[in-house]
């Protein structure tokens, strides 16, 4: 099931919105179908920029190439792969004569067509999760607030596996899902160009997962992560009236390329809501920043974590 609610015209062709907010015109609820992967969306935004530079509308491009307007639109929004021959036809339509520019776009398209590293786990991981991981791979900064449990990039093996066992599938599927999550962690941690800015909710640490031993180890892991400058963690106190947790579970992906706008998502019980609408994303960024400011500063967070660790003996 894939539900797409258009909040603004993604193409901008008929509403005069061909400017900087291109590609941020929808909210998607994802369940059994993947969102536009970050890599496909990246290529689509580059192609859209070329079309606008050429002064063409999607309908004009479709007529010239003998394709449907929806095909051009889906390529630009990252929901459809552009085959090599069609890509070359787009270059011609957009009058892209520069060999270096064509080569760069072909390289981006090549990344889209490469088998994803998570291919071995496609059978056990849901498509919406694969879509979110594609954003995680391309992002240079991940911001997150999880009010009920810890973000996957912060979990220990024991804590993460305990959560996975609560879900669907049997022991073999659970083991494979943890391997998938562990590989996510490894790839993120080893990429020195990435950073994680997280707000950890105190209630998530007071809610025992599996056992006291698991929780103690998990809190110790958070303390270790705080020694890494790339992991910036703050704790939202449970009884602090300044902490407004109504924002709910939220992850924001920031990308290095200016053409890629930030994407916000909320992972739910059986799917995910992905926000690409500029206003909605910006509003969530403001709320996240306010929550972070209201949370404990790093030194106070460290002291609070040490205090919470004593609860689990």
Protein backbone atom coordinates (compact mmCIF):
# COMPACT_ATOMS: atom_id res chain seq x y z
CA UNK A 1 0.00 0.00 0.00
CA UNK A 2 1.36 3.41 -0.95
CA UNK A 3 -0.63 6.52 -0.20
CA UNK A 4 0.63 9.80 -1.63
CA UNK A 5 -0.91 13.10 -0.60
CA UNK A 6 0.21 15.97 -2.83
CA UNK A 7 0.60 19.16 -0.84
CA UNK A 8 2.09 21.14 -3.69
CA UNK A 9 2.61 20.44 -7.36
CA UNK A 10 5.88 18.52 -7.52
CA UNK A 11 6.65 19.61 -11.05
CA UNK A 12 5.71 23.23 -10.57
CA UNK A 13 4.75 23.48 -14.25
CA UNK A 14 1.34 25.00 -13.77
CA UNK A 15 1.65 26.83 -10.49
CA UNK A 16 4.73 28.98 -10.93
CA UNK A 17 6.75 27.10 -8.30
CA UNK A 18 9.75 26.17 -10.46
CA UNK A 19 12.19 27.53 -7.88
CA UNK A 20 14.31 26.28 -5.02
CA UNK A 21 11.67 24.09 -3.40
CA UNK A 22 11.51 21.73 -6.37
CA UNK A 23 10.97 18.10 -5.47
CA UNK A 24 9.48 18.88 -2.07
CA UNK A 25 5.81 18.66 -2.85
CA UNK A 26 4.39 15.64 -1.10
CA UNK A 27 3.86 13.55 1.98
CA UNK A 28 4.01 9.78 1.52
CA UNK A 29 2.82 7.02 3.78
CA UNK A 30 4.88 3.97 2.95
CA UNK A 31 4.11 0.41 3.82
CA UNK A 32 4.81 -2.27 1.23
CA UNK A 33 6.22 0.00 -1.46
CA UNK A 34 9.46 1.92 -1.32
CA UNK A 35 9.64 5.68 -1.42
CA UNK A 36 11.79 7.31 -4.05
CA UNK A 37 15.24 6.15 -3.03
CA UNK A 38 17.61 8.98 -2.25
CA UNK A 39 19.82 8.06 -5.20
CA UNK A 40 16.92 8.09 -7.70
CA UNK A 41 15.63 11.35 -6.25
CA UNK A 42 19.08 12.88 -6.60
CA UNK A 43 19.20 12.00 -10.29
CA UNK A 44 15.63 13.19 -10.80
CA UNK A 45 16.36 16.58 -9.27
CA UNK A 46 19.38 17.03 -11.54
CA UNK A 47 17.24 16.18 -14.58
CA UNK A 48 14.55 18.56 -13.42
CA UNK A 49 17.12 21.33 -13.11
CA UNK A 50 18.27 20.65 -16.69
CA UNK A 51 14.67 20.80 -17.94
CA UNK A 52 14.03 24.10 -16.21
CA UNK A 53 17.30 25.47 -17.57
CA UNK A 54 16.13 24.52 -21.05
CA UNK A 55 12.81 26.29 -20.43
CA UNK A 56 10.71 23.18 -21.06
CA UNK A 57 7.61 21.80 -19.39
CA UNK A 58 7.18 18.11 -18.65
CA UNK A 59 4.46 17.80 -21.27
CA UNK A 60 6.70 19.29 -23.96
CA UNK A 61 9.50 16.86 -23.10
CA UNK A 62 7.08 13.93 -23.17
CA UNK A 63 5.77 14.90 -26.62
CA UNK A 64 9.26 15.29 -28.05
CA UNK A 65 10.35 11.88 -26.80
CA UNK A 66 7.10 10.04 -27.47
CA UNK A 67 6.64 9.26 -23.79
CA UNK A 68 3.94 10.00 -21.24
CA UNK A 69 4.12 13.09 -19.09
CA UNK A 70 3.74 10.87 -16.02
CA UNK A 71 6.91 9.01 -16.98
CA UNK A 72 8.90 12.24 -17.07
CA UNK A 73 7.33 13.27 -13.76
CA UNK A 74 8.06 9.93 -12.07
CA UNK A 75 11.69 10.04 -13.19
CA UNK A 76 12.06 13.53 -11.72
CA UNK A 77 10.47 12.54 -8.42
CA UNK A 78 12.58 9.40 -8.13
CA UNK A 79 9.79 6.84 -8.37
CA UNK A 80 10.91 5.47 -11.75
CA UNK A 81 14.32 4.55 -13.14
CA UNK A 82 15.48 6.21 -16.35
CA UNK A 83 16.91 3.63 -18.74
CA UNK A 84 20.23 4.59 -20.38
CA UNK A 85 18.70 5.23 -23.82
CA UNK A 86 15.96 7.45 -22.39
CA UNK A 87 18.53 9.29 -20.29
CA UNK A 88 20.56 10.10 -23.41
CA UNK A 89 17.38 11.29 -25.12
CA UNK A 90 16.74 13.63 -22.18
CA UNK A 91 20.27 15.02 -22.50
CA UNK A 92 19.59 15.79 -26.15
CA UNK A 93 16.21 17.36 -25.38
CA UNK A 94 17.81 19.54 -22.71
CA UNK A 95 20.69 20.48 -25.03
CA UNK A 96 23.39 19.11 -22.73
CA UNK A 97 26.45 19.25 -25.00
CA UNK A 98 29.13 19.39 -22.33
CA UNK A 99 30.82 15.97 -22.21
CA UNK A 100 31.88 16.36 -18.59
CA UNK A 101 28.35 17.19 -17.48
CA UNK A 102 26.95 14.18 -19.34
CA UNK A 103 29.60 11.95 -17.78
CA UNK A 104 28.76 13.23 -14.29
CA UNK A 105 25.05 12.53 -14.79
CA UNK A 106 25.79 9.08 -16.21
CA UNK A 107 27.83 8.39 -13.07
CA UNK A 108 24.90 9.42 -10.87
CA UNK A 109 22.60 7.22 -12.96
CA UNK A 110 25.07 4.36 -12.59
CA UNK A 111 24.81 4.61 -8.80
CA UNK A 112 21.02 4.30 -9.13
CA UNK A 113 21.38 1.07 -11.09
CA UNK A 114 23.97 -0.51 -8.83
CA UNK A 115 22.77 -3.29 -6.56
CA UNK A 116 22.22 -1.86 -3.08
CA UNK A 117 24.41 -3.19 -0.29
CA UNK A 118 21.30 -4.37 1.53
CA UNK A 119 20.31 -6.66 -1.36
CA UNK A 120 20.98 -9.82 0.73
CA UNK A 121 18.37 -8.63 3.26
CA UNK A 122 15.60 -7.58 0.87
CA UNK A 123 13.64 -10.69 1.81
CA UNK A 124 13.43 -9.80 5.49
CA UNK A 125 13.47 -5.98 5.52
CA UNK A 126 10.40 -4.06 4.48
CA UNK A 127 10.64 -1.81 1.40
CA UNK A 128 9.90 1.36 3.35
CA UNK A 129 12.90 0.61 5.60
CA UNK A 130 15.12 0.12 2.55
CA UNK A 131 13.96 3.54 1.32
CA UNK A 132 14.90 5.16 4.63
CA UNK A 133 18.29 3.44 4.61
CA UNK A 134 18.93 4.87 1.13
CA UNK A 135 18.51 8.34 2.67
CA UNK A 136 20.76 7.36 5.55
CA UNK A 137 23.45 6.25 3.10
CA UNK A 138 23.42 9.51 1.13
CA UNK A 139 22.97 11.88 4.09
CA UNK A 140 25.90 13.66 5.70
CA UNK A 141 23.88 14.40 8.85
CA UNK A 142 21.09 12.48 10.56
CA UNK A 143 18.97 14.18 13.23
CA UNK A 144 16.67 12.04 15.32
CA UNK A 145 14.22 12.03 18.21
CA UNK A 146 12.65 8.75 19.31
CA UNK A 147 10.28 8.97 22.32
CA UNK A 148 9.72 5.23 22.81
CA UNK A 149 12.95 3.43 21.99
CA UNK A 150 16.44 4.24 20.78
CA UNK A 151 17.30 4.95 17.16
CA UNK A 152 18.74 1.96 15.28
CA UNK A 153 22.14 3.63 14.91
CA UNK A 154 22.45 3.88 18.69
CA UNK A 155 21.42 0.36 19.68
CA UNK A 156 23.62 -2.33 21.18
CA UNK A 157 23.35 -5.87 19.83
CA UNK A 158 21.38 -7.12 22.86
CA UNK A 159 18.99 -4.15 22.91
CA UNK A 160 18.41 -4.21 19.15
CA UNK A 161 17.87 -7.95 18.96
CA UNK A 162 15.41 -7.80 21.87
CA UNK A 163 13.33 -5.23 19.97
CA UNK A 164 13.50 -7.22 16.73
CA UNK A 165 12.27 -10.38 18.47
CA UNK A 166 9.08 -8.51 19.35
CA UNK A 167 8.27 -8.13 15.67
CA UNK A 168 7.10 -10.40 12.90
CA UNK A 169 8.94 -13.48 11.67
CA UNK A 170 10.82 -16.30 13.29
CA UNK A 171 14.29 -16.69 14.77
CA UNK A 172 16.08 -16.89 11.39
CA UNK A 173 14.41 -13.73 10.10
CA UNK A 174 15.16 -11.95 13.37
CA UNK A 175 18.83 -12.88 13.12
CA UNK A 176 19.02 -11.59 9.55
CA UNK A 177 17.28 -8.35 10.50
CA UNK A 178 19.85 -7.74 13.20
CA UNK A 179 22.69 -8.39 10.74
CA UNK A 180 21.07 -5.80 8.47
CA UNK A 181 20.88 -3.27 11.31
CA UNK A 182 24.44 -4.03 12.41
CA UNK A 183 25.68 -3.41 8.88
CA UNK A 184 23.84 -0.07 8.85
CA UNK A 185 25.65 0.88 12.03
CA UNK A 186 29.03 -0.21 10.72
CA UNK A 187 28.71 1.68 7.46
CA UNK A 188 27.52 4.83 9.18
CA UNK A 189 30.18 4.76 11.89
CA UNK A 190 33.04 4.11 9.50
CA UNK A 191 32.06 7.01 7.23
CA UNK A 192 33.98 9.93 8.74
CA UNK A 193 31.92 12.41 6.74
CA UNK A 194 28.70 11.59 8.60
CA UNK A 195 27.35 12.90 11.90
CA UNK A 196 24.41 12.02 14.14
CA UNK A 197 22.52 14.60 16.19
CA UNK A 198 20.11 12.88 18.54
CA UNK A 199 17.68 13.66 21.32
CA UNK A 200 17.26 10.65 23.61
CA UNK A 201 14.05 10.58 25.62
CA UNK A 202 14.47 9.69 29.29
CA UNK A 203 11.31 7.58 29.23
CA UNK A 204 12.88 5.33 26.58
CA UNK A 205 15.74 4.59 28.97
CA UNK A 206 13.43 4.00 31.92
CA UNK A 207 11.38 1.50 29.90
CA UNK A 208 13.15 -1.83 30.37
CA UNK A 209 13.88 -3.77 27.19
CA UNK A 210 14.57 -7.46 27.93
CA UNK A 211 16.47 -7.05 31.23
CA UNK A 212 18.39 -4.74 33.52
CA UNK A 213 21.66 -6.07 32.10
CA UNK A 214 20.60 -5.14 28.58
CA UNK A 215 19.62 -1.63 29.65
CA UNK A 216 22.82 -1.06 31.62
CA UNK A 217 24.92 -2.10 28.65
CA UNK A 218 22.86 0.14 26.39
CA UNK A 219 23.35 3.20 28.58
CA UNK A 220 27.07 2.50 28.79
CA UNK A 221 27.13 2.37 24.99
CA UNK A 222 25.48 5.80 24.78
CA UNK A 223 28.17 7.17 27.10
CA UNK A 224 30.84 5.71 24.83
CA UNK A 225 29.23 7.22 21.75
CA UNK A 226 29.32 10.64 23.39
CA UNK A 227 33.14 10.40 23.32
CA UNK A 228 32.89 10.43 19.50
CA UNK A 229 32.48 14.02 18.29
CA UNK A 230 30.31 12.81 15.40
CA UNK A 231 27.59 11.65 17.81
CA UNK A 232 25.99 14.65 19.50
CA UNK A 233 23.46 13.40 22.04
CA UNK A 234 21.18 15.27 24.41
CA UNK A 235 18.67 13.83 26.87
CA UNK A 236 15.07 15.06 27.08
CA UNK A 237 14.10 14.85 30.73
CA UNK A 238 10.85 13.07 31.49
CA UNK A 239 9.44 15.63 33.92
CA UNK A 240 10.82 18.83 32.43
CA UNK A 241 7.84 21.04 31.41
CA UNK A 242 10.02 22.77 28.81
CA UNK A 243 10.43 19.51 26.91
CA UNK A 244 7.65 19.26 24.35
CA UNK A 245 7.66 15.74 22.97
CA UNK A 246 4.52 16.16 20.85
CA UNK A 247 6.73 16.21 17.78
CA UNK A 248 6.74 12.40 18.01
CA UNK A 249 9.28 10.09 16.36
CA UNK A 250 11.25 12.04 13.80
CA UNK A 251 14.33 11.61 11.65
CA UNK A 252 15.71 14.38 9.44
CA UNK A 253 18.23 13.68 6.69
CA UNK A 254 20.54 16.48 5.53
CA UNK A 255 22.51 16.04 2.31
CA UNK A 256 25.74 17.58 1.05
CA UNK A 257 24.52 18.53 -2.41
CA UNK A 258 22.56 21.82 -2.47
CA UNK A 259 20.18 20.30 -5.01
CA UNK A 260 19.06 17.72 -2.42
CA UNK A 261 16.65 19.30 0.10
CA UNK A 262 16.38 17.87 3.59
CA UNK A 263 13.87 15.04 4.03
CA UNK A 264 11.96 14.29 7.24
CA UNK A 265 10.36 11.00 8.17
CA UNK A 266 8.49 9.38 11.02
CA UNK A 267 8.86 5.61 11.33
CA UNK A 268 5.62 4.08 12.60
CA UNK A 269 4.54 0.61 13.70
CA UNK A 270 3.95 -0.75 10.21
CA UNK A 271 5.25 1.89 7.84
CA UNK A 272 6.73 5.33 7.59
CA UNK A 273 5.59 8.84 6.74
CA UNK A 274 8.05 10.69 4.52
CA UNK A 275 7.79 14.48 4.25
CA UNK A 276 9.18 16.26 1.20
CA UNK A 277 6.96 19.34 1.35
CA UNK A 278 9.24 22.32 2.07
CA UNK A 279 7.03 23.97 4.67
CA UNK A 280 6.34 20.76 6.57
CA UNK A 281 10.01 19.75 6.60
CA UNK A 282 11.12 23.21 7.76
CA UNK A 283 8.49 23.21 10.54
CA UNK A 284 9.81 19.91 11.83
CA UNK A 285 13.39 21.14 11.72
CA UNK A 286 12.39 24.14 13.86
CA UNK A 287 10.54 21.90 16.34
CA UNK A 288 13.46 19.48 16.56
CA UNK A 289 15.92 22.30 17.20
CA UNK A 290 13.64 23.69 19.94
CA UNK A 291 13.39 20.25 21.57
CA UNK A 292 17.16 19.88 21.44
CA UNK A 293 17.69 23.28 23.09
CA UNK A 294 15.19 22.38 25.84
CA UNK A 295 17.01 19.09 26.49
CA UNK A 296 20.06 18.67 28.71
CA UNK A 297 23.38 19.99 27.46
CA UNK A 298 26.08 17.35 26.74
CA UNK A 299 27.76 17.46 30.18
CA UNK A 300 24.39 17.30 31.96
CA UNK A 301 23.30 14.51 29.62
CA UNK A 302 26.37 12.51 30.54
CA UNK A 303 25.64 12.94 34.26
CA UNK A 304 22.01 11.95 33.76
CA UNK A 305 23.00 8.83 31.84
CA UNK A 306 25.36 7.84 34.63
CA UNK A 307 22.50 8.32 37.09
CA UNK A 308 20.09 6.25 35.00
CA UNK A 309 22.70 3.49 34.72
CA UNK A 310 22.50 2.97 38.50
CA UNK A 311 18.83 1.99 38.13
CA UNK A 312 19.87 -1.22 36.39
CA UNK A 313 21.94 -3.43 38.69
